[in-house]
Amino acid sequence: ILVIVFGAILILNTLKSSGGMSIINKGFSNISTDRRVQVIIL
């Protein structure tokens, strides 16, 4: 179980450090301005 946990967190932290997660987050910002839609998508 710890090996799975390690790998899952590692890929997330790798994307955070590379800036990839920041780019993914920015991609959501211009989809809709309706808060009901935003909360469902995100």
PDB file of all heavy atoms in Angstrom:
ATOM      1  N   ILE A   1       0.839  -1.206   0.000  1.00  0.00           N
ATOM      2  CA  ILE A   1       0.000   0.000   0.000  1.00  0.00           C
ATOM      3  C   ILE A   1       0.871   1.252   0.000  1.00  0.00           C
ATOM      4  O   ILE A   1       0.581   2.230  -0.700  1.00  0.00           O
ATOM      5  CB  ILE A   1      -0.937  -0.008   1.225  1.00  0.00           C
ATOM      6  CG1 ILE A   1      -1.840  -1.254   1.192  1.00  0.00           C
ATOM      7  CG2 ILE A   1      -1.793   1.253   1.273  1.00  0.00           C
ATOM      8  CD1 ILE A   1      -2.626  -1.488   2.468  1.00  0.00           C
ATOM      9  N   LEU A   2       1.956   1.225   0.756  1.00  0.00           N
ATOM     10  CA  LEU A   2       2.844   2.385   0.825  1.00  0.00           C
ATOM     11  C   LEU A   2       3.501   2.683  -0.523  1.00  0.00           C
ATOM     12  O   LEU A   2       3.719   3.852  -0.863  1.00  0.00           O
ATOM     13  CB  LEU A   2       3.921   2.159   1.891  1.00  0.00           C
ATOM     14  CG  LEU A   2       3.447   2.298   3.339  1.00  0.00           C
ATOM     15  CD1 LEU A   2       4.488   1.750   4.303  1.00  0.00           C
ATOM     16  CD2 LEU A   2       3.120   3.754   3.663  1.00  0.00           C
ATOM     17  N   VAL A   3       3.800   1.649  -1.291  1.00  0.00           N
ATOM     18  CA  VAL A   3       4.378   1.858  -2.624  1.00  0.00           C
ATOM     19  C   VAL A   3       3.372   2.595  -3.518  1.00  0.00           C
ATOM     20  O   VAL A   3       3.744   3.504  -4.277  1.00  0.00           O
ATOM     21  CB  VAL A   3       4.778   0.510  -3.265  1.00  0.00           C
ATOM     22  CG1 VAL A   3       5.159   0.691  -4.730  1.00  0.00           C
ATOM     23  CG2 VAL A   3       5.954  -0.098  -2.510  1.00  0.00           C
ATOM     24  N   ILE A   4       2.106   2.208  -3.431  1.00  0.00           N
ATOM     25  CA  ILE A   4       1.058   2.881  -4.222  1.00  0.00           C
ATOM     26  C   ILE A   4       0.932   4.337  -3.775  1.00  0.00           C
ATOM     27  O   ILE A   4       0.862   5.254  -4.598  1.00  0.00           O
ATOM     28  CB  ILE A   4      -0.295   2.165  -4.068  1.00  0.00           C
ATOM     29  CG1 ILE A   4      -0.190   0.718  -4.551  1.00  0.00           C
ATOM     30  CG2 ILE A   4      -1.386   2.894  -4.857  1.00  0.00           C
ATOM     31  CD1 ILE A   4      -1.417  -0.122  -4.247  1.00  0.00           C
ATOM     32  N   VAL A   5       0.893   4.547  -2.459  1.00  0.00           N
ATOM     33  CA  VAL A   5       0.778   5.905  -1.924  1.00  0.00           C
ATOM     34  C   VAL A   5       1.956   6.760  -2.381  1.00  0.00           C
ATOM     35  O   VAL A   5       1.790   7.907  -2.814  1.00  0.00           O
ATOM     36  CB  VAL A   5       0.700   5.871  -0.378  1.00  0.00           C
ATOM     37  CG1 VAL A   5       0.716   7.283   0.192  1.00  0.00           C
ATOM     38  CG2 VAL A   5      -0.555   5.136   0.073  1.00  0.00           C
ATOM     39  N   PHE A   6       3.158   6.195  -2.286  1.00  0.00           N
ATOM     40  CA  PHE A   6       4.361   6.936  -2.684  1.00  0.00           C
ATOM     41  C   PHE A   6       4.285   7.359  -4.146  1.00  0.00           C
ATOM     42  O   PHE A   6       4.531   8.524  -4.490  1.00  0.00           O
ATOM     43  CB  PHE A   6       5.610   6.081  -2.446  1.00  0.00           C
ATOM     44  CG  PHE A   6       6.895   6.769  -2.817  1.00  0.00           C
ATOM     45  CD1 PHE A   6       7.546   7.565  -1.901  1.00  0.00           C
ATOM     46  CD2 PHE A   6       7.441   6.631  -4.088  1.00  0.00           C
ATOM     47  CE1 PHE A   6       8.720   8.225  -2.238  1.00  0.00           C
ATOM     48  CE2 PHE A   6       8.610   7.282  -4.437  1.00  0.00           C
ATOM     49  CZ  PHE A   6       9.259   8.077  -3.511  1.00  0.00           C
ATOM     50  N   GLY A   7       3.948   6.419  -5.020  1.00  0.00           N
ATOM     51  CA  GLY A   7       3.890   6.732  -6.446  1.00  0.00           C
ATOM     52  C   GLY A   7       2.826   7.750  -6.772  1.00  0.00           C
ATOM     53  O   GLY A   7       3.040   8.655  -7.596  1.00  0.00           O
ATOM     54  N   ALA A   8       1.653   7.626  -6.124  1.00  0.00           N
ATOM     55  CA  ALA A   8       0.549   8.557  -6.382  1.00  0.00           C
ATOM     56  C   ALA A   8       0.918   9.984  -5.990  1.00  0.00           C
ATOM     57  O   ALA A   8       0.637  10.947  -6.716  1.00  0.00           O
ATOM     58  CB  ALA A   8      -0.702   8.101  -5.624  1.00  0.00           C
ATOM     59  N   ILE A   9       1.552  10.118  -4.830  1.00  0.00           N
ATOM     60  CA  ILE A   9       1.938  11.454  -4.355  1.00  0.00           C
ATOM     61  C   ILE A   9       3.118  11.989  -5.158  1.00  0.00           C
ATOM     62  O   ILE A   9       3.212  13.196  -5.428  1.00  0.00           O
ATOM     63  CB  ILE A   9       2.256  11.412  -2.849  1.00  0.00           C
ATOM     64  CG1 ILE A   9       0.987  11.058  -2.059  1.00  0.00           C
ATOM     65  CG2 ILE A   9       2.816  12.747  -2.370  1.00  0.00           C
ATOM     66  CD1 ILE A   9       1.203  10.899  -0.570  1.00  0.00           C
ATOM     67  N   LEU A  10       4.013  11.103  -5.574  1.00  0.00           N
ATOM     68  CA  LEU A  10       5.188  11.537  -6.340  1.00  0.00           C
ATOM     69  C   LEU A  10       4.794  12.182  -7.666  1.00  0.00           C
ATOM     70  O   LEU A  10       5.348  13.234  -8.030  1.00  0.00           O
ATOM     71  CB  LEU A  10       6.112  10.351  -6.596  1.00  0.00           C
ATOM     72  CG  LEU A  10       7.351  10.654  -7.466  1.00  0.00           C
ATOM     73  CD1 LEU A  10       8.252  11.670  -6.770  1.00  0.00           C
ATOM     74  CD2 LEU A  10       8.120   9.374  -7.785  1.00  0.00           C
ATOM     75  N   ILE A  11       3.860  11.582  -8.392  1.00  0.00           N
ATOM     76  CA  ILE A  11       3.477  12.161  -9.680  1.00  0.00           C
ATOM     77  C   ILE A  11       2.827  13.528  -9.480  1.00  0.00           C
ATOM     78  O   ILE A  11       3.052  14.459 -10.260  1.00  0.00           O
ATOM     79  CB  ILE A  11       2.550  11.207 -10.471  1.00  0.00           C
ATOM     80  CG1 ILE A  11       2.341  11.729 -11.897  1.00  0.00           C
ATOM     81  CG2 ILE A  11       1.223  11.005  -9.783  1.00  0.00           C
ATOM     82  CD1 ILE A  11       3.574  11.740 -12.759  1.00  0.00           C
ATOM     83  N   LEU A  12       2.057  13.671  -8.415  1.00  0.00           N
ATOM     84  CA  LEU A  12       1.430  14.964  -8.118  1.00  0.00           C
ATOM     85  C   LEU A  12       2.486  16.013  -7.777  1.00  0.00           C
ATOM     86  O   LEU A  12       2.468  17.136  -8.302  1.00  0.00           O
ATOM     87  CB  LEU A  12       0.439  14.808  -6.966  1.00  0.00           C
ATOM     88  CG  LEU A  12      -0.282  16.076  -6.528  1.00  0.00           C
ATOM     89  CD1 LEU A  12      -1.223  16.565  -7.619  1.00  0.00           C
ATOM     90  CD2 LEU A  12      -1.054  15.840  -5.243  1.00  0.00           C
ATOM     91  N   ASN A  13       3.440  15.665  -6.916  1.00  0.00           N
ATOM     92  CA  ASN A  13       4.492  16.607  -6.532  1.00  0.00           C
ATOM     93  C   ASN A  13       5.414  16.933  -7.693  1.00  0.00           C
ATOM     94  O   ASN A  13       5.936  18.051  -7.799  1.00  0.00           O
ATOM     95  CB  ASN A  13       5.308  16.040  -5.366  1.00  0.00           C
ATOM     96  CG  ASN A  13       4.566  16.135  -4.041  1.00  0.00           C
ATOM     97  OD1 ASN A  13       3.701  16.989  -3.875  1.00  0.00           O
ATOM     98  ND2 ASN A  13       4.889  15.263  -3.106  1.00  0.00           N
ATOM     99  N   THR A  14       5.625  15.957  -8.593  1.00  0.00           N
ATOM    100  CA  THR A  14       6.442  16.209  -9.782  1.00  0.00           C
ATOM    101  C   THR A  14       5.784  17.269 -10.650  1.00  0.00           C
ATOM    102  O   THR A  14       6.449  18.194 -11.141  1.00  0.00           O
ATOM    103  CB  THR A  14       6.636  14.905 -10.589  1.00  0.00           C
ATOM    104  OG1 THR A  14       7.315  13.944  -9.768  1.00  0.00           O
ATOM    105  CG2 THR A  14       7.456  15.151 -11.841  1.00  0.00           C
ATOM    106  N   LEU A  15       4.463  17.161 -10.828  1.00  0.00           N
ATOM    107  CA  LEU A  15       3.730  18.151 -11.632  1.00  0.00           C
ATOM    108  C   LEU A  15       3.690  19.520 -10.945  1.00  0.00           C
ATOM    109  O   LEU A  15       3.716  20.553 -11.607  1.00  0.00           O
ATOM    110  CB  LEU A  15       2.310  17.658 -11.904  1.00  0.00           C
ATOM    111  CG  LEU A  15       2.202  16.544 -12.950  1.00  0.00           C
ATOM    112  CD1 LEU A  15       0.792  15.987 -13.001  1.00  0.00           C
ATOM    113  CD2 LEU A  15       2.602  17.063 -14.320  1.00  0.00           C
ATOM    114  N   LYS A  16       3.638  19.511  -9.623  1.00  0.00           N
ATOM    115  CA  LYS A  16       3.670  20.787  -8.903  1.00  0.00           C
ATOM    116  C   LYS A  16       5.021  21.473  -9.105  1.00  0.00           C
ATOM    117  O   LYS A  16       5.089  22.676  -9.367  1.00  0.00           O
ATOM    118  CB  LYS A  16       3.430  20.555  -7.407  1.00  0.00           C
ATOM    119  CG  LYS A  16       1.974  20.332  -7.024  1.00  0.00           C
ATOM    120  CD  LYS A  16       1.840  20.194  -5.509  1.00  0.00           C
ATOM    121  CE  LYS A  16       0.404  20.045  -5.085  1.00  0.00           C
ATOM    122  NZ  LYS A  16       0.264  19.911  -3.622  1.00  0.00           N
ATOM    123  N   SER A  17       6.101  20.706  -8.969  1.00  0.00           N
ATOM    124  CA  SER A  17       7.438  21.280  -9.086  1.00  0.00           C
ATOM    125  C   SER A  17       7.772  21.709 -10.505  1.00  0.00           C
ATOM    126  O   SER A  17       8.488  22.688 -10.712  1.00  0.00           O
ATOM    127  CB  SER A  17       8.487  20.261  -8.600  1.00  0.00           C
ATOM    128  OG  SER A  17       8.326  19.983  -7.232  1.00  0.00           O
ATOM    129  N   SER A  18       7.264  20.981 -11.498  1.00  0.00           N
ATOM    130  CA  SER A  18       7.549  21.330 -12.896  1.00  0.00           C
ATOM    131  C   SER A  18       6.723  22.516 -13.377  1.00  0.00           C
ATOM    132  O   SER A  18       7.035  23.128 -14.400  1.00  0.00           O
ATOM    133  CB  SER A  18       7.269  20.129 -13.805  1.00  0.00           C
ATOM    134  OG  SER A  18       5.878  19.931 -13.968  1.00  0.00           O
ATOM    135  N   GLY A  19       5.660  22.850 -12.643  1.00  0.00           N
ATOM    136  CA  GLY A  19       4.744  23.903 -13.078  1.00  0.00           C
ATOM    137  C   GLY A  19       3.559  23.358 -13.858  1.00  0.00           C
ATOM    138  O   GLY A  19       2.665  24.108 -14.239  1.00  0.00           O
ATOM    139  N   GLY A  20       3.548  22.033 -14.081  1.00  0.00           N
ATOM    140  CA  GLY A  20       2.454  21.427 -14.837  1.00  0.00           C
ATOM    141  C   GLY A  20       1.114  21.575 -14.167  1.00  0.00           C
ATOM    142  O   GLY A  20       0.096  21.835 -14.829  1.00  0.00           O
ATOM    143  N   MET A  21       1.061  21.437 -12.838  1.00  0.00           N
ATOM    144  CA  MET A  21      -0.199  21.560 -12.126  1.00  0.00           C
ATOM    145  C   MET A  21      -0.736  22.982 -12.192  1.00  0.00           C
ATOM    146  O   MET A  21      -1.948  23.206 -12.284  1.00  0.00           O
ATOM    147  CB  MET A  21      -0.027  21.115 -10.664  1.00  0.00           C
ATOM    148  CG  MET A  21      -1.334  21.011  -9.891  1.00  0.00           C
ATOM    149  SD  MET A  21      -2.586  19.959 -10.695  1.00  0.00           S
ATOM    150  CE  MET A  21      -1.784  18.353 -10.605  1.00  0.00           C
ATOM    151  N   SER A  22       0.156  23.952 -12.175  1.00  0.00           N
ATOM    152  CA  SER A  22      -0.260  25.348 -12.317  1.00  0.00           C
ATOM    153  C   SER A  22      -0.921  25.584 -13.676  1.00  0.00           C
ATOM    154  O   SER A  22      -1.933  26.276 -13.776  1.00  0.00           O
ATOM    155  CB  SER A  22       0.947  26.271 -12.149  1.00  0.00           C
ATOM    156  OG  SER A  22       0.597  27.612 -12.403  1.00  0.00           O
ATOM    157  N   ILE A  23      -0.352  24.983 -14.722  1.00  0.00           N
ATOM    158  CA  ILE A  23      -0.922  25.113 -16.072  1.00  0.00           C
ATOM    159  C   ILE A  23      -2.292  24.441 -16.148  1.00  0.00           C
ATOM    160  O   ILE A  23      -3.237  24.976 -16.748  1.00  0.00           O
ATOM    161  CB  ILE A  23       0.024  24.485 -17.119  1.00  0.00           C
ATOM    162  CG1 ILE A  23       1.387  25.184 -17.092  1.00  0.00           C
ATOM    163  CG2 ILE A  23      -0.591  24.546 -18.512  1.00  0.00           C
ATOM    164  CD1 ILE A  23       1.353  26.648 -17.426  1.00  0.00           C
ATOM    165  N   ILE A  24      -2.419  23.274 -15.520  1.00  0.00           N
ATOM    166  CA  ILE A  24      -3.699  22.569 -15.498  1.00  0.00           C
ATOM    167  C   ILE A  24      -4.755  23.420 -14.803  1.00  0.00           C
ATOM    168  O   ILE A  24      -5.890  23.548 -15.282  1.00  0.00           O
ATOM    169  CB  ILE A  24      -3.550  21.206 -14.787  1.00  0.00           C
ATOM    170  CG1 ILE A  24      -2.734  20.245 -15.656  1.00  0.00           C
ATOM    171  CG2 ILE A  24      -4.912  20.589 -14.481  1.00  0.00           C
ATOM    172  CD1 ILE A  24      -2.372  18.943 -14.967  1.00  0.00           C
ATOM    173  N   ASN A  25      -4.391  24.019 -13.684  1.00  0.00           N
ATOM    174  CA  ASN A  25      -5.332  24.868 -12.945  1.00  0.00           C
ATOM    175  C   ASN A  25      -5.781  26.067 -13.774  1.00  0.00           C
ATOM    176  O   ASN A  25      -6.962  26.424 -13.792  1.00  0.00           O
ATOM    177  CB  ASN A  25      -4.691  25.358 -11.642  1.00  0.00           C
ATOM    178  CG  ASN A  25      -4.523  24.243 -10.634  1.00  0.00           C
ATOM    179  OD1 ASN A  25      -5.101  23.164 -10.776  1.00  0.00           O
ATOM    180  ND2 ASN A  25      -3.727  24.480  -9.606  1.00  0.00           N
ATOM    181  N   LYS A  26      -4.823  26.703 -14.467  1.00  0.00           N
ATOM    182  CA  LYS A  26      -5.158  27.872 -15.285  1.00  0.00           C
ATOM    183  C   LYS A  26      -6.108  27.516 -16.422  1.00  0.00           C
ATOM    184  O   LYS A  26      -6.906  28.346 -16.869  1.00  0.00           O
ATOM    185  CB  LYS A  26      -3.882  28.495 -15.852  1.00  0.00           C
ATOM    186  CG  LYS A  26      -3.069  29.271 -14.832  1.00  0.00           C
ATOM    187  CD  LYS A  26      -1.820  29.860 -15.478  1.00  0.00           C
ATOM    188  CE  LYS A  26      -1.012  30.654 -14.469  1.00  0.00           C
ATOM    189  NZ  LYS A  26       0.225  31.212 -15.064  1.00  0.00           N
ATOM    190  N   GLY A  27      -6.002  26.276 -16.893  1.00  0.00           N
ATOM    191  CA  GLY A  27      -6.864  25.853 -17.994  1.00  0.00           C
ATOM    192  C   GLY A  27      -8.340  25.848 -17.647  1.00  0.00           C
ATOM    193  O   GLY A  27      -9.196  25.878 -18.538  1.00  0.00           O
ATOM    194  N   PHE A  28      -8.659  25.830 -16.337  1.00  0.00           N
ATOM    195  CA  PHE A  28     -10.061  25.811 -15.916  1.00  0.00           C
ATOM    196  C   PHE A  28     -10.669  27.212 -15.794  1.00  0.00           C
ATOM    197  O   PHE A  28     -11.884  27.367 -15.733  1.00  0.00           O
ATOM    198  CB  PHE A  28     -10.183  25.126 -14.552  1.00  0.00           C
ATOM    199  CG  PHE A  28      -9.949  23.657 -14.594  1.00  0.00           C
ATOM    200  CD1 PHE A  28      -8.878  23.104 -13.907  1.00  0.00           C
ATOM    201  CD2 PHE A  28     -10.785  22.810 -15.306  1.00  0.00           C
ATOM    202  CE1 PHE A  28      -8.648  21.739 -13.925  1.00  0.00           C
ATOM    203  CE2 PHE A  28     -10.567  21.442 -15.334  1.00  0.00           C
ATOM    204  CZ  PHE A  28      -9.497  20.905 -14.647  1.00  0.00           C
ATOM    205  N   SER A  29      -9.840  28.227 -15.745  1.00  0.00           N
ATOM    206  CA  SER A  29     -10.303  29.562 -15.345  1.00  0.00           C
ATOM    207  C   SER A  29     -11.237  30.244 -16.334  1.00  0.00           C
ATOM    208  O   SER A  29     -12.027  31.103 -15.947  1.00  0.00           O
ATOM    209  CB  SER A  29      -9.104  30.470 -15.061  1.00  0.00           C
ATOM    210  OG  SER A  29      -8.300  30.596 -16.225  1.00  0.00           O
ATOM    211  N   ASN A  30     -11.169  29.890 -17.612  1.00  0.00           N
ATOM    212  CA  ASN A  30     -11.985  30.579 -18.619  1.00  0.00           C
ATOM    213  C   ASN A  30     -13.110  29.721 -19.200  1.00  0.00           C
ATOM    214  O   ASN A  30     -13.635  30.023 -20.269  1.00  0.00           O
ATOM    215  CB  ASN A  30     -11.082  31.061 -19.764  1.00  0.00           C
ATOM    216  CG  ASN A  30     -10.044  32.067 -19.304  1.00  0.00           C
ATOM    217  OD1 ASN A  30     -10.358  32.945 -18.495  1.00  0.00           O
ATOM    218  ND2 ASN A  30      -8.822  31.928 -19.776  1.00  0.00           N
ATOM    219  N   ILE A  31     -13.486  28.661 -18.497  1.00  0.00           N
ATOM    220  CA  ILE A  31     -14.509  27.759 -19.034  1.00  0.00           C
ATOM    221  C   ILE A  31     -15.915  28.317 -18.822  1.00  0.00           C
ATOM    222  O   ILE A  31     -16.741  28.312 -19.735  1.00  0.00           O
ATOM    223  CB  ILE A  31     -14.382  26.363 -18.382  1.00  0.00           C
ATOM    224  CG1 ILE A  31     -13.048  25.725 -18.778  1.00  0.00           C
ATOM    225  CG2 ILE A  31     -15.536  25.458 -18.799  1.00  0.00           C
ATOM    226  CD1 ILE A  31     -12.718  24.473 -17.999  1.00  0.00           C
ATOM    227  N   SER A  32     -16.218  28.782 -17.610  1.00  0.00           N
ATOM    228  CA  SER A  32     -17.552  29.308 -17.296  1.00  0.00           C
ATOM    229  C   SER A  32     -17.458  30.262 -16.118  1.00  0.00           C
ATOM    230  O   SER A  32     -16.591  30.114 -15.259  1.00  0.00           O
ATOM    231  CB  SER A  32     -18.509  28.160 -16.960  1.00  0.00           C
ATOM    232  OG  SER A  32     -19.752  28.656 -16.510  1.00  0.00           O
ATOM    233  N   THR A  33     -18.373  31.222 -16.065  1.00  0.00           N
ATOM    234  CA  THR A  33     -18.404  32.152 -14.938  1.00  0.00           C
ATOM    235  C   THR A  33     -19.520  31.808 -13.953  1.00  0.00           C
ATOM    236  O   THR A  33     -19.625  32.426 -12.901  1.00  0.00           O
ATOM    237  CB  THR A  33     -18.605  33.601 -15.429  1.00  0.00           C
ATOM    238  OG1 THR A  33     -19.797  33.662 -16.223  1.00  0.00           O
ATOM    239  CG2 THR A  33     -17.413  34.073 -16.239  1.00  0.00           C
ATOM    240  N   ASP A  34     -20.377  30.838 -14.306  1.00  0.00           N
ATOM    241  CA  ASP A  34     -21.452  30.404 -13.408  1.00  0.00           C
ATOM    242  C   ASP A  34     -20.844  29.530 -12.308  1.00  0.00           C
ATOM    243  O   ASP A  34     -20.214  28.509 -12.584  1.00  0.00           O
ATOM    244  CB  ASP A  34     -22.516  29.628 -14.187  1.00  0.00           C
ATOM    245  CG  ASP A  34     -23.772  29.391 -13.363  1.00  0.00           C
ATOM    246  OD1 ASP A  34     -23.668  28.780 -12.285  1.00  0.00           O
ATOM    247  OD2 ASP A  34     -24.861  29.813 -13.802  1.00  0.00           O
ATOM    248  N   ARG A  35     -21.047  29.936 -11.058  1.00  0.00           N
ATOM    249  CA  ARG A  35     -20.424  29.227  -9.936  1.00  0.00           C
ATOM    250  C   ARG A  35     -20.937  27.786  -9.816  1.00  0.00           C
ATOM    251  O   ARG A  35     -20.203  26.908  -9.369  1.00  0.00           O
ATOM    252  CB  ARG A  35     -20.700  29.973  -8.625  1.00  0.00           C
ATOM    253  CG  ARG A  35     -20.258  31.427  -8.617  1.00  0.00           C
ATOM    254  CD  ARG A  35     -18.787  31.578  -8.965  1.00  0.00           C
ATOM    255  NE  ARG A  35     -18.327  32.949  -8.779  1.00  0.00           N
ATOM    256  CZ  ARG A  35     -17.125  33.377  -9.099  1.00  0.00           C
ATOM    257  NH1 ARG A  35     -16.253  32.537  -9.643  1.00  0.00           N
ATOM    258  NH2 ARG A  35     -16.781  34.636  -8.902  1.00  0.00           N
ATOM    259  N   ARG A  36     -22.179  27.549 -10.216  1.00  0.00           N
ATOM    260  CA  ARG A  36     -22.727  26.189 -10.140  1.00  0.00           C
ATOM    261  C   ARG A  36     -22.020  25.273 -11.132  1.00  0.00           C
ATOM    262  O   ARG A  36     -21.785  24.091 -10.847  1.00  0.00           O
ATOM    263  CB  ARG A  36     -24.233  26.225 -10.419  1.00  0.00           C
ATOM    264  CG  ARG A  36     -25.036  27.015  -9.382  1.00  0.00           C
ATOM    265  CD  ARG A  36     -26.433  27.339  -9.864  1.00  0.00           C
ATOM    266  NE  ARG A  36     -26.404  28.215 -11.057  1.00  0.00           N
ATOM    267  CZ  ARG A  36     -27.497  28.757 -11.595  1.00  0.00           C
ATOM    268  NH1 ARG A  36     -28.694  28.519 -11.071  1.00  0.00           N
ATOM    269  NH2 ARG A  36     -27.411  29.529 -12.659  1.00  0.00           N
ATOM    270  N   VAL A  37     -21.686  25.805 -12.281  1.00  0.00           N
ATOM    271  CA  VAL A  37     -20.962  25.034 -13.291  1.00  0.00           C
ATOM    272  C   VAL A  37     -19.512  24.820 -12.852  1.00  0.00           C
ATOM    273  O   VAL A  37     -18.966  23.721 -12.973  1.00  0.00           O
ATOM    274  CB  VAL A  37     -21.019  25.753 -14.657  1.00  0.00           C
ATOM    275  CG1 VAL A  37     -20.117  25.044 -15.678  1.00  0.00           C
ATOM    276  CG2 VAL A  37     -22.455  25.804 -15.169  1.00  0.00           C
ATOM    277  N   GLN A  38     -18.901  25.874 -12.332  1.00  0.00           N
ATOM    278  CA  GLN A  38     -17.500  25.789 -11.911  1.00  0.00           C
ATOM    279  C   GLN A  38     -17.296  24.739 -10.825  1.00  0.00           C
ATOM    280  O   GLN A  38     -16.349  23.949 -10.874  1.00  0.00           O
ATOM    281  CB  GLN A  38     -17.023  27.151 -11.403  1.00  0.00           C
ATOM    282  CG  GLN A  38     -16.853  28.193 -12.495  1.00  0.00           C
ATOM    283  CD  GLN A  38     -16.478  29.553 -11.928  1.00  0.00           C
ATOM    284  OE1 GLN A  38     -16.690  29.832 -10.746  1.00  0.00           O
ATOM    285  NE2 GLN A  38     -15.920  30.419 -12.773  1.00  0.00           N
ATOM    286  N   VAL A  39     -18.197  24.720  -9.842  1.00  0.00           N
ATOM    287  CA  VAL A  39     -18.015  23.792  -8.729  1.00  0.00           C
ATOM    288  C   VAL A  39     -18.184  22.340  -9.170  1.00  0.00           C
ATOM    289  O   VAL A  39     -17.502  21.439  -8.657  1.00  0.00           O
ATOM    290  CB  VAL A  39     -18.978  24.126  -7.562  1.00  0.00           C
ATOM    291  CG1 VAL A  39     -20.407  23.663  -7.854  1.00  0.00           C
ATOM    292  CG2 VAL A  39     -18.477  23.500  -6.259  1.00  0.00           C
ATOM    293  N   ILE A  40     -19.056  22.099 -10.150  1.00  0.00           N
ATOM    294  CA  ILE A  40     -19.251  20.738 -10.645  1.00  0.00           C
ATOM    295  C   ILE A  40     -18.035  20.282 -11.451  1.00  0.00           C
ATOM    296  O   ILE A  40     -17.550  19.155 -11.288  1.00  0.00           O
ATOM    297  CB  ILE A  40     -20.526  20.648 -11.501  1.00  0.00           C
ATOM    298  CG1 ILE A  40     -21.764  20.883 -10.635  1.00  0.00           C
ATOM    299  CG2 ILE A  40     -20.617  19.300 -12.194  1.00  0.00           C
ATOM    300  CD1 ILE A  40     -21.912  19.921  -9.490  1.00  0.00           C
ATOM    301  N   ILE A  41     -17.529  21.144 -12.319  1.00  0.00           N
ATOM    302  CA  ILE A  41     -16.375  20.769 -13.146  1.00  0.00           C
ATOM    303  C   ILE A  41     -15.143  20.523 -12.276  1.00  0.00           C
ATOM    304  O   ILE A  41     -14.452  19.501 -12.416  1.00  0.00           O
ATOM    305  CB  ILE A  41     -16.077  21.851 -14.197  1.00  0.00           C
ATOM    306  CG1 ILE A  41     -17.201  21.902 -15.231  1.00  0.00           C
ATOM    307  CG2 ILE A  41     -14.740  21.576 -14.891  1.00  0.00           C
ATOM    308  CD1 ILE A  41     -17.046  23.008 -16.255  1.00  0.00           C
ATOM    309  N   LEU A  42     -14.883  21.443 -11.354  1.00  0.00           N
ATOM    310  CA  LEU A  42     -13.653  21.341 -10.554  1.00  0.00           C
ATOM    311  C   LEU A  42     -13.796  20.358  -9.386  1.00  0.00           C
ATOM    312  O   LEU A  42     -12.916  19.535  -9.157  1.00  0.00           O
ATOM    313  CB  LEU A  42     -13.267  22.719 -10.030  1.00  0.00           C
ATOM    314  CG  LEU A  42     -12.730  23.678 -11.092  1.00  0.00           C
ATOM    315  CD1 LEU A  42     -12.608  25.082 -10.531  1.00  0.00           C
ATOM    316  CD2 LEU A  42     -11.382  23.202 -11.590  1.00  0.00           C
TER     317      LEU A  42
END
